[in-house]
Amino acid sequence: MTTKLLLASGGLTALLAAGAGVASAQPAMDDVIVNSTCSYPQVTAALAAQDPKLAEQLQEVPAATGWLKSLIAAPPDQRRVMVAQARAFPGVQPYIPVINAVASTCQNF
């Protein structure tokens, strides 16, 4: 269950780290997430557009949905901590491209 939670929430928040192999871009992407004004519906719509299967998986794990809602509702300082924790989880790495896409486009939904 914990792995599913981390993978699903990490799938959105590994909405968190930068593009693979581009370490210098990481702080910029973190700032996009930390300072985002996107709502939960905007994030989930962007995710559904980027990766429908991952969006469906997220909905199947209530704890992941709760974590994402908590991230979105959190103030920037708390988001920064949550992003760092999620990024530290190795299972997040495969989700970085979709997370970056969601974080960069959610304001369009």
Protein backbone atom coordinates (compact mmCIF):
# COMPACT_ATOMS: atom_id res chain seq x y z
CA MET A 1 0.00 0.00 0.00
CA THR A 2 2.80 2.41 0.87
CA THR A 3 4.52 1.66 -2.42
CA LYS A 4 1.30 2.28 -4.35
CA LEU A 5 0.79 5.53 -2.46
CA LEU A 6 4.30 6.72 -3.15
CA LEU A 7 4.19 5.66 -6.78
CA ALA A 8 0.83 7.25 -7.44
CA SER A 9 1.50 10.41 -5.50
CA GLY A 10 5.06 10.37 -6.64
CA GLY A 11 3.76 9.96 -10.14
CA LEU A 12 2.19 13.33 -9.76
CA THR A 13 4.70 14.89 -7.60
CA ALA A 14 7.57 13.14 -8.89
CA LEU A 15 4.95 16.51 -10.06
CA LEU A 16 8.40 17.34 -8.56
CA ALA A 17 11.81 16.82 -9.83
CA ALA A 18 13.45 18.08 -12.95
CA GLY A 19 14.06 16.38 -16.26
CA ALA A 20 16.25 13.32 -16.18
CA GLY A 21 19.89 14.27 -16.27
CA VAL A 22 19.28 18.02 -15.92
CA ALA A 23 20.17 18.72 -12.32
CA SER A 24 20.25 22.47 -12.79
CA ALA A 25 16.60 22.48 -13.83
CA GLN A 26 15.47 20.78 -10.63
CA PRO A 27 15.16 23.88 -8.43
CA ALA A 28 13.19 25.66 -11.15
CA MET A 29 10.68 22.79 -11.43
CA ASP A 30 10.43 22.61 -7.65
CA ASP A 31 9.59 26.32 -7.65
CA VAL A 32 6.86 25.73 -10.24
CA ILE A 33 5.26 23.16 -7.96
CA VAL A 34 5.85 25.05 -4.71
CA ASN A 35 4.40 28.28 -6.10
CA SER A 36 1.65 26.78 -8.24
CA THR A 37 -1.83 28.25 -8.04
CA CYS A 38 -3.37 25.22 -9.75
CA SER A 39 -6.36 23.61 -8.09
CA TYR A 40 -6.83 19.89 -7.58
CA PRO A 41 -9.23 19.69 -10.56
CA GLN A 42 -6.68 21.47 -12.74
CA VAL A 43 -3.88 19.10 -11.69
CA THR A 44 -5.98 16.00 -12.25
CA ALA A 45 -7.19 17.29 -15.64
CA ALA A 46 -3.60 17.99 -16.69
CA LEU A 47 -2.58 14.53 -15.51
CA ALA A 48 -5.45 12.90 -17.40
CA ALA A 49 -4.33 14.73 -20.54
CA GLN A 50 -0.67 13.75 -20.08
CA ASP A 51 -1.04 10.17 -18.81
CA PRO A 52 -4.60 8.81 -18.54
CA LYS A 53 -3.41 5.50 -17.08
CA LEU A 54 -1.51 7.19 -14.27
CA ALA A 55 -4.49 9.46 -13.60
CA GLU A 56 -6.71 6.39 -13.27
CA GLN A 57 -4.21 4.70 -10.95
CA LEU A 58 -4.13 7.77 -8.73
CA GLN A 59 -7.90 7.65 -8.33
CA GLU A 60 -7.64 4.00 -7.23
CA VAL A 61 -5.42 4.89 -4.26
CA PRO A 62 -7.32 7.13 -1.83
CA ALA A 63 -4.19 7.83 0.20
CA ALA A 64 -2.42 9.13 -2.92
CA THR A 65 -5.37 11.36 -3.75
CA GLY A 66 -5.31 12.65 -0.19
CA TRP A 67 -1.58 13.32 -0.37
CA LEU A 68 -1.98 15.26 -3.59
CA LYS A 69 -4.82 17.30 -2.13
CA SER A 70 -2.65 18.01 0.91
CA LEU A 71 0.20 19.14 -1.33
CA ILE A 72 -2.06 21.49 -3.25
CA ALA A 73 -3.60 22.90 -0.05
CA ALA A 74 -0.26 23.34 1.70
CA PRO A 75 1.55 26.67 2.00
CA PRO A 76 4.77 27.00 -0.04
CA ASP A 77 7.16 26.11 2.81
CA GLN A 78 5.31 22.89 3.52
CA ARG A 79 5.07 22.08 -0.21
CA ARG A 80 8.84 22.43 -0.50
CA VAL A 81 9.29 19.81 2.25
CA MET A 82 6.72 17.49 0.66
CA VAL A 83 8.38 17.82 -2.75
CA ALA A 84 11.80 17.01 -1.29
CA GLN A 85 10.41 13.95 0.49
CA ALA A 86 8.73 12.66 -2.66
CA ARG A 87 11.81 13.32 -4.78
CA ALA A 88 13.92 11.23 -2.37
CA PHE A 89 11.83 8.15 -3.16
CA PRO A 90 13.59 6.16 -5.94
CA GLY A 91 10.30 4.99 -7.46
CA VAL A 92 9.52 8.56 -8.49
CA GLN A 93 12.20 8.79 -11.16
CA PRO A 94 10.20 7.15 -13.99
CA TYR A 95 7.38 9.67 -13.46
CA ILE A 96 9.48 12.81 -13.73
CA PRO A 97 8.60 13.60 -17.37
CA VAL A 98 4.84 13.42 -16.78
CA ILE A 99 5.13 15.32 -13.50
CA ASN A 100 7.03 18.08 -15.21
CA ALA A 101 4.40 18.23 -17.95
CA VAL A 102 1.56 18.39 -15.42
CA ALA A 103 3.27 21.06 -13.34
CA SER A 104 3.97 23.11 -16.44
CA THR A 105 0.48 22.88 -17.94
CA CYS A 106 -2.06 22.59 -15.11
CA GLN A 107 -2.84 26.31 -15.27
CA ASN A 108 -4.31 25.67 -18.76
CA PHE A 109 -7.07 23.43 -17.41
